[in-house]
């Protein structure tokens, strides 16, 4: 996957690591569900929708004029990754498999991997990513838990940045109202 469809606006969402990781999680989640979750189960649909919501709400929020809407949708995105973590932990518990500790050496390798907006770890030709085999359900589920936690961290930082920008620059309605006042002021001069 390349960055061919790059958003032309400077700083557009397609240039953000938080977006690219969301996209990878969506693809990995689909592969995981296709392999390990019954398509007829409610869990299958819920996990597919949670991963989709995580990515799509981030995109929709970034395209909003309103900072308030961006914050709300990005917050919904953040919650979707928390939901996915629970689903993967439930899967591991149901199968009698281990949830890896956040300081496990395998988790640390995944956490340290830099997100490159021009490179993907997703490939239909290989059956692994980040050194984790998709054929190993415990490892694959823990990979996704780690990536969802990393995405949660990225989204927390992203939300702090949006909030900080709002405090410094104001919101869409506030700035539009200010322009209206300036326009009216110039009419009376």
C-alpha atoms as a PDB file:
ATOM      1  CA  UNK A   1       0.000   0.000   0.000  1.00  0.00           C
ATOM      2  CA  UNK A   2       1.468   3.311  -1.019  1.00  0.00           C
ATOM      3  CA  UNK A   3       0.524   6.847  -0.272  1.00  0.00           C
ATOM      4  CA  UNK A   4      -0.839   7.385  -3.819  1.00  0.00           C
ATOM      5  CA  UNK A   5      -4.129   8.840  -2.621  1.00  0.00           C
ATOM      6  CA  UNK A   6      -2.402  11.355  -0.406  1.00  0.00           C
ATOM      7  CA  UNK A   7      -4.621  14.201   0.745  1.00  0.00           C
ATOM      8  CA  UNK A   8      -3.369  17.289  -1.110  1.00  0.00           C
ATOM      9  CA  UNK A   9      -3.910  19.629   1.849  1.00  0.00           C
ATOM     10  CA  UNK A  10      -0.822  20.226   3.957  1.00  0.00           C
ATOM     11  CA  UNK A  11      -1.224  18.309   7.162  1.00  0.00           C
ATOM     12  CA  UNK A  12      -4.167  16.329   5.767  1.00  0.00           C
ATOM     13  CA  UNK A  13      -5.264  13.226   7.649  1.00  0.00           C
ATOM     14  CA  UNK A  14      -3.603  10.869   5.152  1.00  0.00           C
ATOM     15  CA  UNK A  15      -0.236  12.232   6.291  1.00  0.00           C
ATOM     16  CA  UNK A  16      -0.823  11.296   9.927  1.00  0.00           C
ATOM     17  CA  UNK A  17       0.610   8.188  11.581  1.00  0.00           C
ATOM     18  CA  UNK A  18      -2.633   7.922  13.578  1.00  0.00           C
ATOM     19  CA  UNK A  19      -4.526   7.433  10.291  1.00  0.00           C
ATOM     20  CA  UNK A  20      -2.081   4.908   8.834  1.00  0.00           C
ATOM     21  CA  UNK A  21      -2.111   2.790  11.973  1.00  0.00           C
ATOM     22  CA  UNK A  22      -5.928   2.901  11.975  1.00  0.00           C
ATOM     23  CA  UNK A  23      -5.865   1.676   8.386  1.00  0.00           C
ATOM     24  CA  UNK A  24      -3.483  -1.168   9.239  1.00  0.00           C
ATOM     25  CA  UNK A  25      -5.575  -2.197  12.237  1.00  0.00           C
ATOM     26  CA  UNK A  26      -8.658  -2.266  10.018  1.00  0.00           C
ATOM     27  CA  UNK A  27      -6.944  -4.593   7.531  1.00  0.00           C
ATOM     28  CA  UNK A  28      -5.357  -6.846  10.190  1.00  0.00           C
ATOM     29  CA  UNK A  29      -8.651  -7.041  12.060  1.00  0.00           C
ATOM     30  CA  UNK A  30     -10.414  -8.180   8.915  1.00  0.00           C
ATOM     31  CA  UNK A  31      -7.791 -10.908   8.329  1.00  0.00           C
ATOM     32  CA  UNK A  32      -8.061 -11.985  11.986  1.00  0.00           C
ATOM     33  CA  UNK A  33     -11.855 -12.143  11.955  1.00  0.00           C
ATOM     34  CA  UNK A  34     -11.853 -14.003   8.649  1.00  0.00           C
ATOM     35  CA  UNK A  35      -9.517 -16.643  10.146  1.00  0.00           C
ATOM     36  CA  UNK A  36     -10.678 -16.975  13.743  1.00  0.00           C
ATOM     37  CA  UNK A  37     -14.200 -15.609  14.261  1.00  0.00           C
ATOM     38  CA  UNK A  38     -17.302 -17.276  12.846  1.00  0.00           C
ATOM     39  CA  UNK A  39     -18.809 -14.972  10.199  1.00  0.00           C
ATOM     40  CA  UNK A  40     -22.281 -15.860  11.474  1.00  0.00           C
ATOM     41  CA  UNK A  41     -21.506 -14.606  14.988  1.00  0.00           C
ATOM     42  CA  UNK A  42     -22.441 -11.204  16.336  1.00  0.00           C
ATOM     43  CA  UNK A  43     -18.815 -10.843  17.498  1.00  0.00           C
ATOM     44  CA  UNK A  44     -17.595 -11.006  13.891  1.00  0.00           C
ATOM     45  CA  UNK A  45     -19.830  -8.118  12.845  1.00  0.00           C
ATOM     46  CA  UNK A  46     -19.056  -6.104  16.000  1.00  0.00           C
ATOM     47  CA  UNK A  47     -15.288  -6.438  15.531  1.00  0.00           C
ATOM     48  CA  UNK A  48     -15.461  -5.536  11.835  1.00  0.00           C
ATOM     49  CA  UNK A  49     -17.608  -2.489  12.651  1.00  0.00           C
ATOM     50  CA  UNK A  50     -15.405  -1.382  15.570  1.00  0.00           C
ATOM     51  CA  UNK A  51     -12.288  -1.397  13.370  1.00  0.00           C
ATOM     52  CA  UNK A  52     -14.158   0.370  10.584  1.00  0.00           C
ATOM     53  CA  UNK A  53     -15.552   2.953  12.991  1.00  0.00           C
ATOM     54  CA  UNK A  54     -12.088   3.564  14.420  1.00  0.00           C
ATOM     55  CA  UNK A  55     -10.729   4.461  11.002  1.00  0.00           C
ATOM     56  CA  UNK A  56     -13.769   6.127   9.439  1.00  0.00           C
ATOM     57  CA  UNK A  57     -14.635   8.347  12.425  1.00  0.00           C
ATOM     58  CA  UNK A  58     -11.053   9.596  12.463  1.00  0.00           C
ATOM     59  CA  UNK A  59     -11.328  10.480   8.771  1.00  0.00           C
ATOM     60  CA  UNK A  60     -14.762  12.078   9.141  1.00  0.00           C
ATOM     61  CA  UNK A  61     -13.652  14.106  12.153  1.00  0.00           C
ATOM     62  CA  UNK A  62     -10.583  15.420  10.367  1.00  0.00           C
ATOM     63  CA  UNK A  63     -12.733  16.600   7.462  1.00  0.00           C
ATOM     64  CA  UNK A  64     -15.120  18.547   9.694  1.00  0.00           C
ATOM     65  CA  UNK A  65     -14.932  22.341   9.791  1.00  0.00           C
ATOM     66  CA  UNK A  66     -15.964  22.241  13.424  1.00  0.00           C
ATOM     67  CA  UNK A  67     -13.283  21.459  15.991  1.00  0.00           C
ATOM     68  CA  UNK A  68     -16.051  20.270  18.304  1.00  0.00           C
ATOM     69  CA  UNK A  69     -17.169  17.692  15.708  1.00  0.00           C
ATOM     70  CA  UNK A  70     -13.577  16.648  15.093  1.00  0.00           C
ATOM     71  CA  UNK A  71     -13.067  16.092  18.825  1.00  0.00           C
ATOM     72  CA  UNK A  72     -16.321  14.157  19.162  1.00  0.00           C
ATOM     73  CA  UNK A  73     -15.682  11.849  16.194  1.00  0.00           C
ATOM     74  CA  UNK A  74     -12.030  11.315  17.126  1.00  0.00           C
ATOM     75  CA  UNK A  75     -13.217  10.417  20.630  1.00  0.00           C
ATOM     76  CA  UNK A  76     -15.607   7.841  19.153  1.00  0.00           C
ATOM     77  CA  UNK A  77     -12.671   6.493  17.156  1.00  0.00           C
ATOM     78  CA  UNK A  78     -10.665   6.211  20.383  1.00  0.00           C
ATOM     79  CA  UNK A  79     -13.478   4.276  22.056  1.00  0.00           C
ATOM     80  CA  UNK A  80     -13.631   1.830  19.132  1.00  0.00           C
ATOM     81  CA  UNK A  81     -10.035   0.760  19.773  1.00  0.00           C
ATOM     82  CA  UNK A  82     -10.822   0.191  23.438  1.00  0.00           C
ATOM     83  CA  UNK A  83     -13.730  -1.996  22.341  1.00  0.00           C
ATOM     84  CA  UNK A  84     -11.446  -3.988  20.029  1.00  0.00           C
ATOM     85  CA  UNK A  85      -8.922  -4.565  22.808  1.00  0.00           C
ATOM     86  CA  UNK A  86     -11.724  -6.055  24.922  1.00  0.00           C
ATOM     87  CA  UNK A  87     -12.796  -8.283  22.025  1.00  0.00           C
ATOM     88  CA  UNK A  88      -9.262  -9.608  21.563  1.00  0.00           C
ATOM     89  CA  UNK A  89      -8.808 -10.185  25.294  1.00  0.00           C
ATOM     90  CA  UNK A  90     -12.143 -12.026  25.351  1.00  0.00           C
ATOM     91  CA  UNK A  91     -11.029 -14.167  22.403  1.00  0.00           C
ATOM     92  CA  UNK A  92      -7.797 -15.088  24.179  1.00  0.00           C
ATOM     93  CA  UNK A  93      -9.648 -15.918  27.415  1.00  0.00           C
ATOM     94  CA  UNK A  94     -12.209 -18.059  25.562  1.00  0.00           C
ATOM     95  CA  UNK A  95      -9.419 -20.044  23.870  1.00  0.00           C
ATOM     96  CA  UNK A  96      -7.323 -20.368  27.037  1.00  0.00           C
ATOM     97  CA  UNK A  97      -4.535 -18.285  25.486  1.00  0.00           C
ATOM     98  CA  UNK A  98      -2.360 -15.671  27.168  1.00  0.00           C
ATOM     99  CA  UNK A  99      -2.662 -11.908  27.003  1.00  0.00           C
ATOM    100  CA  UNK A 100       0.909 -10.681  26.761  1.00  0.00           C
ATOM    101  CA  UNK A 101       2.071  -8.163  29.349  1.00  0.00           C
ATOM    102  CA  UNK A 102       2.766  -4.694  27.970  1.00  0.00           C
ATOM    103  CA  UNK A 103       6.439  -5.178  28.916  1.00  0.00           C
ATOM    104  CA  UNK A 104       6.771  -8.565  27.200  1.00  0.00           C
ATOM    105  CA  UNK A 105       9.714  -8.449  24.756  1.00  0.00           C
ATOM    106  CA  UNK A 106       7.385  -9.328  21.832  1.00  0.00           C
ATOM    107  CA  UNK A 107       5.103  -6.418  22.707  1.00  0.00           C
ATOM    108  CA  UNK A 108       8.039  -4.032  23.051  1.00  0.00           C
ATOM    109  CA  UNK A 109       9.228  -4.907  19.531  1.00  0.00           C
ATOM    110  CA  UNK A 110       5.783  -4.036  18.134  1.00  0.00           C
ATOM    111  CA  UNK A 111       5.518  -0.855  20.211  1.00  0.00           C
ATOM    112  CA  UNK A 112       8.912   0.379  19.003  1.00  0.00           C
ATOM    113  CA  UNK A 113       8.054  -0.081  15.330  1.00  0.00           C
ATOM    114  CA  UNK A 114       7.764   3.316  13.693  1.00  0.00           C
ATOM    115  CA  UNK A 115       4.597   4.028  11.724  1.00  0.00           C
ATOM    116  CA  UNK A 116       5.608   5.115   8.227  1.00  0.00           C
ATOM    117  CA  UNK A 117       2.879   6.795   6.182  1.00  0.00           C
ATOM    118  CA  UNK A 118       4.463   5.468   2.989  1.00  0.00           C
ATOM    119  CA  UNK A 119       4.806   1.821   4.055  1.00  0.00           C
ATOM    120  CA  UNK A 120       2.361  -0.794   5.186  1.00  0.00           C
ATOM    121  CA  UNK A 121       2.883  -3.984   7.130  1.00  0.00           C
ATOM    122  CA  UNK A 122      -0.233  -5.454   5.499  1.00  0.00           C
ATOM    123  CA  UNK A 123       0.278  -7.842   2.613  1.00  0.00           C
ATOM    124  CA  UNK A 124      -1.928 -10.553   1.183  1.00  0.00           C
ATOM    125  CA  UNK A 125       1.226 -12.352   0.027  1.00  0.00           C
ATOM    126  CA  UNK A 126       2.650 -12.926   3.491  1.00  0.00           C
ATOM    127  CA  UNK A 127       0.990 -14.422   6.497  1.00  0.00           C
ATOM    128  CA  UNK A 128       2.789 -12.310   9.055  1.00  0.00           C
ATOM    129  CA  UNK A 129       3.459  -8.764  10.166  1.00  0.00           C
ATOM    130  CA  UNK A 130       5.763  -7.258  12.778  1.00  0.00           C
ATOM    131  CA  UNK A 131       7.376 -10.703  12.975  1.00  0.00           C
ATOM    132  CA  UNK A 132       4.057 -12.240  14.099  1.00  0.00           C
ATOM    133  CA  UNK A 133       2.544 -15.180  12.219  1.00  0.00           C
ATOM    134  CA  UNK A 134      -1.154 -14.899  11.400  1.00  0.00           C
ATOM    135  CA  UNK A 135      -1.308 -18.698  11.809  1.00  0.00           C
ATOM    136  CA  UNK A 136      -0.712 -18.290  15.564  1.00  0.00           C
ATOM    137  CA  UNK A 137      -3.997 -17.018  17.076  1.00  0.00           C
ATOM    138  CA  UNK A 138      -2.398 -16.036  20.397  1.00  0.00           C
ATOM    139  CA  UNK A 139       0.352 -14.015  18.731  1.00  0.00           C
ATOM    140  CA  UNK A 140      -2.003 -12.475  16.156  1.00  0.00           C
ATOM    141  CA  UNK A 141      -4.544 -11.393  18.814  1.00  0.00           C
ATOM    142  CA  UNK A 142      -1.759  -9.923  20.961  1.00  0.00           C
ATOM    143  CA  UNK A 143      -0.382  -8.069  17.935  1.00  0.00           C
ATOM    144  CA  UNK A 144      -3.780  -6.447  17.489  1.00  0.00           C
ATOM    145  CA  UNK A 145      -4.119  -5.653  21.190  1.00  0.00           C
ATOM    146  CA  UNK A 146      -0.726  -3.934  21.052  1.00  0.00           C
ATOM    147  CA  UNK A 147      -1.560  -2.011  17.874  1.00  0.00           C
ATOM    148  CA  UNK A 148      -4.935  -0.919  19.288  1.00  0.00           C
ATOM    149  CA  UNK A 149      -3.223   0.279  22.481  1.00  0.00           C
ATOM    150  CA  UNK A 150      -0.653   2.147  20.390  1.00  0.00           C
ATOM    151  CA  UNK A 151      -3.453   3.694  18.331  1.00  0.00           C
ATOM    152  CA  UNK A 152      -5.192   4.699  21.561  1.00  0.00           C
ATOM    153  CA  UNK A 153      -2.014   6.470  22.659  1.00  0.00           C
ATOM    154  CA  UNK A 154      -1.718   8.193  19.265  1.00  0.00           C
ATOM    155  CA  UNK A 155      -5.347   9.288  19.444  1.00  0.00           C
ATOM    156  CA  UNK A 156      -4.882  10.627  22.974  1.00  0.00           C
ATOM    157  CA  UNK A 157      -1.997  12.767  21.685  1.00  0.00           C
ATOM    158  CA  UNK A 158      -3.999  13.778  18.608  1.00  0.00           C
ATOM    159  CA  UNK A 159      -6.964  14.834  20.763  1.00  0.00           C
ATOM    160  CA  UNK A 160      -4.684  16.886  23.027  1.00  0.00           C
ATOM    161  CA  UNK A 161      -3.330  18.650  19.939  1.00  0.00           C
ATOM    162  CA  UNK A 162      -6.806  19.423  18.590  1.00  0.00           C
ATOM    163  CA  UNK A 163      -7.894  20.695  22.014  1.00  0.00           C
ATOM    164  CA  UNK A 164      -4.782  22.881  22.288  1.00  0.00           C
ATOM    165  CA  UNK A 165      -5.392  24.314  18.822  1.00  0.00           C
ATOM    166  CA  UNK A 166      -8.995  25.075  19.760  1.00  0.00           C
ATOM    167  CA  UNK A 167      -7.912  26.905  22.928  1.00  0.00           C
ATOM    168  CA  UNK A 168      -5.356  28.990  20.988  1.00  0.00           C
ATOM    169  CA  UNK A 169      -7.264  29.657  17.750  1.00  0.00           C
ATOM    170  CA  UNK A 170     -10.910  29.152  18.640  1.00  0.00           C
ATOM    171  CA  UNK A 171     -13.450  27.061  16.788  1.00  0.00           C
ATOM    172  CA  UNK A 172     -15.107  27.306  13.393  1.00  0.00           C
ATOM    173  CA  UNK A 173     -18.265  29.062  14.603  1.00  0.00           C
ATOM    174  CA  UNK A 174     -16.314  31.434  16.826  1.00  0.00           C
ATOM    175  CA  UNK A 175     -13.989  32.423  13.971  1.00  0.00           C
ATOM    176  CA  UNK A 176     -16.859  32.713  11.496  1.00  0.00           C
ATOM    177  CA  UNK A 177     -18.735  34.965  13.921  1.00  0.00           C
ATOM    178  CA  UNK A 178     -15.595  37.118  14.323  1.00  0.00           C
ATOM    179  CA  UNK A 179     -15.366  37.495  10.529  1.00  0.00           C
ATOM    180  CA  UNK A 180     -19.029  38.508  10.441  1.00  0.00           C
ATOM    181  CA  UNK A 181     -18.427  41.164  13.112  1.00  0.00           C
ATOM    182  CA  UNK A 182     -15.432  42.493  11.176  1.00  0.00           C
ATOM    183  CA  UNK A 183     -17.479  42.594   7.982  1.00  0.00           C
ATOM    184  CA  UNK A 184     -20.294  44.512   9.685  1.00  0.00           C
ATOM    185  CA  UNK A 185     -17.791  46.863  11.287  1.00  0.00           C
ATOM    186  CA  UNK A 186     -16.299  47.644   7.865  1.00  0.00           C
ATOM    187  CA  UNK A 187     -19.768  48.427   6.454  1.00  0.00           C
ATOM    188  CA  UNK A 188     -20.360  51.173   9.002  1.00  0.00           C
ATOM    189  CA  UNK A 189     -17.032  52.875   8.348  1.00  0.00           C
END
